[in-house]
């Protein structure tokens, strides 16, 4: 069936971690300010680095096929000695 055709594939990118923005926003602001200040190479470099950080974070958080993120109901009910 058509639904089963993509069952083994995973998404190339996932959600961006909110804490990633803590590093990216200052890079974007710094890149824009250096572009406005006339240092074009540094500004473009900072903007490209910010985009690369976002892409890497999204790639590292992509969903993997076959891994169930939810714990089974039995594991939620009984907390063993390792808790």
C-alpha atoms as a PDB file:
ATOM      1  CA  UNK A   1       0.000   0.000   0.000  1.00  0.00           C
ATOM      2  CA  UNK A   2       1.040   3.620  -0.387  1.00  0.00           C
ATOM      3  CA  UNK A   3       1.111   4.144   3.346  1.00  0.00           C
ATOM      4  CA  UNK A   4       3.598   1.290   3.823  1.00  0.00           C
ATOM      5  CA  UNK A   5       5.970   2.574   1.144  1.00  0.00           C
ATOM      6  CA  UNK A   6       7.625   5.152   3.406  1.00  0.00           C
ATOM      7  CA  UNK A   7       7.468   3.132   6.610  1.00  0.00           C
ATOM      8  CA  UNK A   8      11.223   2.536   6.769  1.00  0.00           C
ATOM      9  CA  UNK A   9      12.217   6.129   6.098  1.00  0.00           C
ATOM     10  CA  UNK A  10      12.750   8.767   8.737  1.00  0.00           C
ATOM     11  CA  UNK A  11      12.506  12.510   8.486  1.00  0.00           C
ATOM     12  CA  UNK A  12      15.724  14.276   7.563  1.00  0.00           C
ATOM     13  CA  UNK A  13      15.188  17.022  10.151  1.00  0.00           C
ATOM     14  CA  UNK A  14      13.391  17.338  13.457  1.00  0.00           C
ATOM     15  CA  UNK A  15      12.378  20.049  15.878  1.00  0.00           C
ATOM     16  CA  UNK A  16      14.874  22.751  16.840  1.00  0.00           C
ATOM     17  CA  UNK A  17      15.769  22.698  20.513  1.00  0.00           C
ATOM     18  CA  UNK A  18      14.625  25.939  22.209  1.00  0.00           C
ATOM     19  CA  UNK A  19      17.994  26.308  23.954  1.00  0.00           C
ATOM     20  CA  UNK A  20      19.699  26.390  20.559  1.00  0.00           C
ATOM     21  CA  UNK A  21      18.246  29.859  20.083  1.00  0.00           C
ATOM     22  CA  UNK A  22      20.313  31.061  23.072  1.00  0.00           C
ATOM     23  CA  UNK A  23      23.424  30.621  20.934  1.00  0.00           C
ATOM     24  CA  UNK A  24      21.926  31.494  17.557  1.00  0.00           C
ATOM     25  CA  UNK A  25      20.182  34.802  18.325  1.00  0.00           C
ATOM     26  CA  UNK A  26      23.372  36.598  19.475  1.00  0.00           C
ATOM     27  CA  UNK A  27      25.182  35.302  16.375  1.00  0.00           C
ATOM     28  CA  UNK A  28      22.423  36.671  14.139  1.00  0.00           C
ATOM     29  CA  UNK A  29      22.416  40.033  15.924  1.00  0.00           C
ATOM     30  CA  UNK A  30      26.209  40.214  15.827  1.00  0.00           C
ATOM     31  CA  UNK A  31      26.248  39.260  12.159  1.00  0.00           C
ATOM     32  CA  UNK A  32      23.706  41.927  11.268  1.00  0.00           C
ATOM     33  CA  UNK A  33      25.553  44.584  13.281  1.00  0.00           C
ATOM     34  CA  UNK A  34      28.883  43.752  11.668  1.00  0.00           C
ATOM     35  CA  UNK A  35      27.254  43.869   8.229  1.00  0.00           C
ATOM     36  CA  UNK A  36      25.873  47.298   9.036  1.00  0.00           C
ATOM     37  CA  UNK A  37      29.274  48.309  10.428  1.00  0.00           C
ATOM     38  CA  UNK A  38      30.999  47.496   7.179  1.00  0.00           C
ATOM     39  CA  UNK A  39      32.801  44.262   8.083  1.00  0.00           C
ATOM     40  CA  UNK A  40      31.081  42.170   5.433  1.00  0.00           C
ATOM     41  CA  UNK A  41      33.151  38.988   5.680  1.00  0.00           C
ATOM     42  CA  UNK A  42      32.724  38.649   9.433  1.00  0.00           C
ATOM     43  CA  UNK A  43      28.990  39.426   9.266  1.00  0.00           C
ATOM     44  CA  UNK A  44      28.355  36.845   6.572  1.00  0.00           C
ATOM     45  CA  UNK A  45      30.480  34.340   8.470  1.00  0.00           C
ATOM     46  CA  UNK A  46      28.460  34.795  11.649  1.00  0.00           C
ATOM     47  CA  UNK A  47      25.158  34.470   9.796  1.00  0.00           C
ATOM     48  CA  UNK A  48      26.306  31.320   8.007  1.00  0.00           C
ATOM     49  CA  UNK A  49      27.537  29.852  11.295  1.00  0.00           C
ATOM     50  CA  UNK A  50      24.164  30.597  12.929  1.00  0.00           C
ATOM     51  CA  UNK A  51      22.335  28.816  10.110  1.00  0.00           C
ATOM     52  CA  UNK A  52      24.709  25.840  10.350  1.00  0.00           C
ATOM     53  CA  UNK A  53      24.075  25.543  14.092  1.00  0.00           C
ATOM     54  CA  UNK A  54      20.309  25.526  13.477  1.00  0.00           C
ATOM     55  CA  UNK A  55      20.597  22.904  10.733  1.00  0.00           C
ATOM     56  CA  UNK A  56      22.855  20.680  12.854  1.00  0.00           C
ATOM     57  CA  UNK A  57      20.516  20.935  15.848  1.00  0.00           C
ATOM     58  CA  UNK A  58      17.496  20.097  13.721  1.00  0.00           C
ATOM     59  CA  UNK A  59      19.352  17.169  12.138  1.00  0.00           C
ATOM     60  CA  UNK A  60      20.482  15.800  15.515  1.00  0.00           C
ATOM     61  CA  UNK A  61      16.884  15.938  16.827  1.00  0.00           C
ATOM     62  CA  UNK A  62      15.352  14.102  13.878  1.00  0.00           C
ATOM     63  CA  UNK A  63      12.987  11.241  14.708  1.00  0.00           C
ATOM     64  CA  UNK A  64      14.441   7.788  14.275  1.00  0.00           C
ATOM     65  CA  UNK A  65      12.341   4.936  12.893  1.00  0.00           C
ATOM     66  CA  UNK A  66      11.676   2.007  15.154  1.00  0.00           C
ATOM     67  CA  UNK A  67      12.358   3.853  18.399  1.00  0.00           C
ATOM     68  CA  UNK A  68       9.263   4.460  20.481  1.00  0.00           C
ATOM     69  CA  UNK A  69       9.790   7.607  22.538  1.00  0.00           C
ATOM     70  CA  UNK A  70       6.981   6.726  24.927  1.00  0.00           C
ATOM     71  CA  UNK A  71       7.592   4.338  27.782  1.00  0.00           C
ATOM     72  CA  UNK A  72       5.342   1.288  27.952  1.00  0.00           C
ATOM     73  CA  UNK A  73       2.374   1.526  30.320  1.00  0.00           C
ATOM     74  CA  UNK A  74       3.760  -1.221  32.561  1.00  0.00           C
ATOM     75  CA  UNK A  75       6.994   0.722  33.036  1.00  0.00           C
ATOM     76  CA  UNK A  76       5.073   3.865  33.966  1.00  0.00           C
ATOM     77  CA  UNK A  77       3.026   2.044  36.591  1.00  0.00           C
ATOM     78  CA  UNK A  78       5.840   0.202  38.344  1.00  0.00           C
ATOM     79  CA  UNK A  79       8.913   2.117  39.319  1.00  0.00           C
ATOM     80  CA  UNK A  80      11.694  -0.303  40.049  1.00  0.00           C
ATOM     81  CA  UNK A  81      14.766  -0.011  42.224  1.00  0.00           C
ATOM     82  CA  UNK A  82      16.570   1.971  39.534  1.00  0.00           C
ATOM     83  CA  UNK A  83      14.266   4.971  40.057  1.00  0.00           C
END
